[in-house]
N, C-alpha and C. Protein backbone atom coordinates (compact mmCIF):
# COMPACT_ATOMS: atom_id res chain seq x y z
N MET A 1 0.89 -1.26 -0.10
CA MET A 1 0.21 0.11 -0.21
C MET A 1 0.64 1.21 -0.74
N TYR A 2 0.36 2.12 -1.46
CA TYR A 2 1.61 3.68 -0.87
C TYR A 2 0.12 4.94 -0.41
N PHE A 3 1.34 5.55 0.35
CA PHE A 3 0.45 6.94 0.01
C PHE A 3 1.37 7.73 0.18
N TYR A 4 -0.28 8.88 -1.26
CA TYR A 4 0.74 10.11 -1.82
C TYR A 4 0.07 11.40 -1.34
N ILE A 5 0.66 12.28 -2.20
CA ILE A 5 -0.63 13.77 -2.12
C ILE A 5 1.05 13.77 -2.50
N TRP A 6 0.73 15.42 -2.90
CA TRP A 6 0.46 16.36 -4.19
C TRP A 6 -0.34 17.46 -3.30
N HIS A 7 0.23 18.81 -4.75
CA HIS A 7 -0.35 20.07 -3.95
C HIS A 7 -1.26 20.27 -5.42
N ASP A 8 -3.03 20.60 -6.05
CA ASP A 8 -2.89 21.05 -7.37
C ASP A 8 -3.56 22.59 -7.16
N ILE A 9 -2.40 23.40 -7.85
CA ILE A 9 -1.99 24.14 -7.80
C ILE A 9 -3.18 24.91 -8.24
N LEU A 10 -3.79 24.46 -9.57
CA LEU A 10 -5.29 25.05 -10.13
C LEU A 10 -6.03 24.85 -9.11
N SER A 11 -6.72 24.61 -8.46
CA SER A 11 -7.77 24.11 -7.63
C SER A 11 -7.74 25.19 -6.05
N GLY A 12 -5.92 24.39 -6.28
CA GLY A 12 -5.70 25.37 -4.93
C GLY A 12 -5.87 24.16 -3.64
N ASP A 13 -6.61 22.97 -4.02
CA ASP A 13 -6.45 21.73 -3.03
C ASP A 13 -5.36 20.81 -2.60
N LEU A 14 -5.05 20.14 -1.27
CA LEU A 14 -3.78 19.50 -1.36
C LEU A 14 -3.61 18.73 -0.63
N ASN A 15 -3.89 17.49 -1.91
CA ASN A 15 -4.04 15.51 -1.87
C ASN A 15 -4.03 15.33 -1.01
N PHE A 16 -4.50 13.61 -1.45
CA PHE A 16 -3.70 12.98 -1.03
C PHE A 16 -4.26 11.58 -1.18
N SER A 17 -4.25 10.29 -1.33
CA SER A 17 -4.70 9.13 -1.86
C SER A 17 -3.83 8.06 -1.32
N LEU A 18 -4.32 6.39 -1.53
CA LEU A 18 -4.03 5.78 -0.61
C LEU A 18 -3.44 4.61 -2.23
N THR A 19 -3.18 3.42 -2.33
CA THR A 19 -2.82 3.14 -3.66
C THR A 19 -2.21 1.49 -3.50
N SER A 20 -2.24 0.71 -4.06
CA SER A 20 -1.81 -0.72 -3.92
C SER A 20 -0.62 -0.53 -5.08
N SER A 21 -1.26 -0.42 -5.81
CA SER A 21 -0.98 0.21 -6.86
C SER A 21 1.15 0.76 -7.14
N ASN A 22 2.27 0.49 -7.57
CA ASN A 22 3.26 1.30 -7.11
C ASN A 22 3.18 2.45 -8.70
N THR A 23 2.73 2.33 -9.94
CA THR A 23 2.45 3.30 -10.45
C THR A 23 0.90 4.14 -10.34
N LEU A 24 1.31 5.12 -10.23
CA LEU A 24 0.43 6.31 -9.39
C LEU A 24 -0.25 6.64 -10.53
N PRO A 25 -1.75 7.04 -9.95
CA PRO A 25 -2.70 7.09 -11.43
C PRO A 25 -3.20 9.22 -12.21
N PHE A 26 -1.48 9.38 -12.90
CA PHE A 26 -1.78 10.77 -13.11
C PHE A 26 -0.83 10.62 -14.65
N GLY A 27 -2.08 11.37 -15.54
CA GLY A 27 -1.87 11.82 -16.56
C GLY A 27 -0.39 12.47 -17.03
N CYS A 28 0.17 12.78 -16.47
CA CYS A 28 1.63 14.26 -16.80
C CYS A 28 2.47 13.38 -16.12
N THR A 29 4.28 14.44 -16.27
CA THR A 29 4.85 13.84 -16.59
C THR A 29 5.51 14.00 -14.44
N LEU A 30 6.13 12.94 -12.97
CA LEU A 30 5.87 13.14 -12.04
C LEU A 30 7.53 13.26 -11.78
N ASN A 31 7.75 14.55 -10.93
CA ASN A 31 8.96 14.70 -10.09
C ASN A 31 8.12 13.81 -8.31
N ILE A 32 9.29 13.13 -8.17
CA ILE A 32 8.52 11.76 -6.64
C ILE A 32 9.93 12.93 -6.25
N VAL A 33 8.88 13.34 -5.06
CA VAL A 33 10.49 13.95 -4.07
C VAL A 33 10.82 13.40 -2.10
N HIS A 34 11.35 13.28 -2.10
CA HIS A 34 12.17 12.40 -1.07
C HIS A 34 10.99 13.23 0.37
N THR A 35 10.66 13.77 -0.24
CA THR A 35 10.06 14.53 1.66
C THR A 35 8.74 15.26 1.17
N ILE A 36 8.06 14.82 2.71
CA ILE A 36 6.75 15.51 2.63
C ILE A 36 6.44 17.23 2.58
N LYS A 37 7.73 17.51 3.59
CA LYS A 37 7.36 19.30 3.21
C LYS A 37 7.26 20.34 2.32
N LYS A 38 8.36 19.15 0.89
CA LYS A 38 8.29 20.04 -0.07
C LYS A 38 7.19 19.49 -0.52
N ILE A 39 6.39 19.18 -0.67
CA ILE A 39 4.34 19.23 -0.84
C ILE A 39 3.98 20.67 0.02
N ILE A 40 4.11 20.26 1.42
CA ILE A 40 3.23 21.06 2.07
C ILE A 40 3.55 22.54 1.88
N HIS A 41 5.26 22.97 1.93
CA HIS A 41 5.95 24.67 1.88
C HIS A 41 5.17 25.19 0.57
N THR A 42 5.27 24.10 -0.72
CA THR A 42 4.24 24.95 -2.15
C THR A 42 2.75 24.83 -1.74
N TYR A 43 2.13 23.79 -1.06
CA TYR A 43 0.61 24.74 -0.81
C TYR A 43 0.38 25.46 0.02
N LEU A 44 1.24 26.03 1.03
CA LEU A 44 1.38 26.66 1.97
C LEU A 44 1.85 28.02 1.44
N SER A 45 2.83 28.09 0.60
CA SER A 45 3.23 29.18 -0.54
C SER A 45 2.79 29.32 -1.08
N LYS A 46 2.20 29.06 -2.22
CA LYS A 46 1.24 29.43 -3.31
C LYS A 46 0.13 28.79 -3.28
N PRO A 47 -0.72 29.17 -2.46
CA PRO A 47 -2.23 28.42 -2.82
C PRO A 47 -2.95 27.91 -3.33
N GLY A 48 -2.52 28.48 -5.04
CA GLY A 48 -3.50 28.70 -5.73
C GLY A 48 -5.05 28.53 -6.40
N GLY A 49 -6.60 27.62 -6.49
CA GLY A 49 -7.24 27.91 -7.12
C GLY A 49 -7.74 29.26 -7.71
N PHE A 50 -6.71 30.12 -8.22
CA PHE A 50 -6.89 31.07 -9.54
C PHE A 50 -5.76 31.70 -10.44
N ILE A 51 -5.78 32.14 -11.41
CA ILE A 51 -4.82 32.42 -11.80
C ILE A 51 -4.24 34.08 -11.98
N PRO A 52 -3.15 34.69 -11.42
CA PRO A 52 -3.15 36.35 -11.53
C PRO A 52 -2.85 36.47 -12.41
N ILE A 53 -3.50 37.54 -13.19
CA ILE A 53 -3.99 37.96 -14.10
C ILE A 53 -3.05 38.45 -15.16
N GLU A 54 -1.83 38.42 -14.78
CA GLU A 54 -0.84 38.92 -15.07
C GLU A 54 0.24 37.47 -15.17
N GLU A 55 -0.76 36.63 -15.14
CA GLU A 55 0.61 35.18 -15.63
C GLU A 55 -1.23 35.35 -16.72
N LEU A 56 -2.03 35.50 -17.09
CA LEU A 56 -2.40 34.66 -18.29
C LEU A 56 -2.15 35.18 -19.78
N THR A 57 -2.16 33.56 -20.85
CA THR A 57 -2.04 34.09 -21.86
C THR A 57 -2.38 33.73 -22.75
N GLU A 58 -2.50 34.08 -24.09
CA GLU A 58 -3.29 34.26 -25.74
C GLU A 58 -3.30 33.05 -25.43
N ILE A 59 -4.33 32.15 -26.07
CA ILE A 59 -4.42 30.44 -26.18
C ILE A 59 -4.21 30.78 -27.76
N LYS A 60 -3.42 29.10 -27.58
CA LYS A 60 -3.10 29.00 -28.79
C LYS A 60 -4.04 28.12 -29.38
N LYS A 61 -3.44 28.11 -30.71
CA LYS A 61 -4.20 27.11 -31.38
C LYS A 61 -4.05 26.33 -31.37
N GLU A 62 -5.16 24.26 -31.21
CA GLU A 62 -4.60 23.67 -31.33
C GLU A 62 -3.19 23.15 -32.19
N ASN A 63 -3.17 23.08 -32.81
CA ASN A 63 -1.70 22.75 -33.66
C ASN A 63 -0.62 23.75 -33.16
N ASP A 64 -0.21 24.09 -32.59
CA ASP A 64 1.37 25.13 -31.95
C ASP A 64 0.70 24.12 -30.40
N LYS A 65 0.81 22.69 -30.17
CA LYS A 65 1.67 22.25 -29.61
C LYS A 65 2.76 21.43 -29.22
N ASP A 66 3.30 22.62 -29.73
CA ASP A 66 4.99 21.69 -30.47
C ASP A 66 5.08 22.41 -28.91
N ASP A 67 5.15 23.91 -29.16
CA ASP A 67 5.75 25.19 -27.66
C ASP A 67 5.12 25.09 -26.99
N GLU A 68 3.78 24.26 -26.42
CA GLU A 68 3.59 24.14 -24.49
C GLU A 68 5.10 23.62 -23.94
N GLU A 69 5.10 24.06 -22.79
CA GLU A 69 5.82 22.90 -21.53
C GLU A 69 4.96 22.40 -20.66
N GLU A 70 5.85 21.26 -20.85
CA GLU A 70 5.53 20.12 -20.43
C GLU A 70 4.75 19.91 -19.28
N PHE A 71 4.27 19.41 -18.97
CA PHE A 71 3.29 19.72 -17.28
C PHE A 71 4.22 18.43 -15.81
N ILE A 72 4.85 19.67 -15.18
CA ILE A 72 5.91 17.79 -14.29
C ILE A 72 5.14 18.52 -12.59
N LEU A 73 4.65 17.12 -11.91
CA LEU A 73 3.43 17.33 -10.77
C LEU A 73 4.55 17.12 -9.75
N ASP A 74 5.32 17.49 -8.64
CA ASP A 74 5.24 17.01 -7.52
C ASP A 74 4.36 16.14 -6.76
N VAL A 75 5.71 14.57 -6.18
CA VAL A 75 4.39 13.93 -5.79
C VAL A 75 4.97 13.83 -4.58
N TYR A 76 4.46 13.15 -3.59
CA TYR A 76 5.26 12.99 -2.59
C TYR A 76 4.58 11.19 -2.63
N LYS A 77 5.63 9.87 -2.24
CA LYS A 77 5.04 8.74 -2.18
C LYS A 77 5.36 7.81 -0.96
N HIS A 78 5.15 6.81 -0.53
CA HIS A 78 6.10 5.37 0.53
C HIS A 78 5.60 4.73 0.65
N LYS A 79 5.86 3.60 0.68
CA LYS A 79 4.87 2.65 0.40
C LYS A 79 4.61 2.07 2.44
N ILE A 80 3.37 2.39 2.95
CA ILE A 80 3.63 2.29 4.30
C ILE A 80 3.14 0.51 4.51
N LEU A 81 2.59 0.01 3.96
CA LEU A 81 2.32 -1.47 4.03
C LEU A 81 3.02 -2.17 3.39
N HIS A 82 3.11 -3.90 3.50
CA HIS A 82 3.44 -4.35 2.64
C HIS A 82 1.97 -5.18 2.06
N THR A 83 1.75 -5.25 0.67
CA THR A 83 -0.11 -6.25 0.60
C THR A 83 0.15 -6.99 0.64
N LYS A 84 -0.48 -8.07 1.62
CA LYS A 84 -0.36 -9.87 1.82
C LYS A 84 -1.82 -10.46 0.51
N ASN A 85 -1.26 -11.86 0.57
CA ASN A 85 -1.88 -12.47 -0.76
C ASN A 85 -3.18 -12.57 0.37
N PRO A 86 -4.14 -12.31 0.42
CA PRO A 86 -5.91 -12.13 1.19
C PRO A 86 -5.81 -13.59 1.05
N ASN A 87 -5.03 -14.92 0.84
CA ASN A 87 -4.97 -16.33 1.16
C ASN A 87 -4.00 -16.22 2.74
N GLU A 88 -3.31 -16.52 2.29
CA GLU A 88 -2.09 -15.69 3.39
C GLU A 88 -3.33 -15.93 4.83
N ASN A 89 -3.21 -15.04 5.42
CA ASN A 89 -4.64 -14.74 6.18
C ASN A 89 -5.72 -15.48 6.20
N GLU A 90 -6.32 -16.29 5.57
CA GLU A 90 -7.10 -16.82 5.68
C GLU A 90 -6.02 -18.08 6.74
N GLU A 91 -5.28 -19.26 5.75
CA GLU A 91 -4.83 -20.47 6.13
C GLU A 91 -4.10 -19.61 7.52
N ASN A 92 -3.70 -18.63 8.42
CA ASN A 92 -2.76 -17.77 9.31
C ASN A 92 -4.35 -18.30 10.01
N ASN A 93 -4.95 -18.05 10.02
CA ASN A 93 -6.57 -18.16 10.98
C ASN A 93 -7.15 -19.88 11.25
N ARG A 94 -6.56 -20.06 10.18
CA ARG A 94 -6.79 -21.71 10.29
C ARG A 94 -5.90 -22.18 11.32
N GLU A 95 -5.31 -22.19 11.31
CA GLU A 95 -3.81 -22.46 11.74
C GLU A 95 -3.90 -22.38 13.49
N GLU A 96 -4.80 -21.15 13.37
CA GLU A 96 -4.96 -19.97 14.94
C GLU A 96 -5.92 -21.58 15.68
N THR A 97 -6.74 -21.19 15.00
CA THR A 97 -8.08 -21.41 15.11
C THR A 97 -8.31 -23.31 15.22
N ASP A 98 -7.68 -24.36 14.52
CA ASP A 98 -7.26 -25.41 14.86
C ASP A 98 -6.28 -25.64 16.06
N SER A 99 -5.50 -24.88 16.47
CA SER A 99 -4.56 -24.86 17.53
C SER A 99 -5.45 -25.30 19.05
N VAL A 100 -6.39 -23.67 18.83
CA VAL A 100 -7.05 -23.61 20.42
C VAL A 100 -8.23 -25.00 20.55
N GLU A 101 -8.24 -25.98 19.37
CA GLU A 101 -9.68 -26.62 19.19
C GLU A 101 -8.78 -27.39 20.94
């Protein structure tokens, strides 16, 4: 099981989730950071949820995608649990039950 956290600057949200997969469900390039402090610091220093007017740019035609910068998202990921085979627990429970009788 993996815990991961990221700051969505467009919505201004600090998000976290859990997954059993080592691959995170994002459609952009990820920068896996080694400390949660970087994510928290970014959230507190750049809360987001709005775009200042001086940062607005003209929308280009769809054919001009070559000029777009690649979006890279900082994410902190930490393995919190070793995922076990569900059958392992059943076998262990049966052994404990058998020894009690």
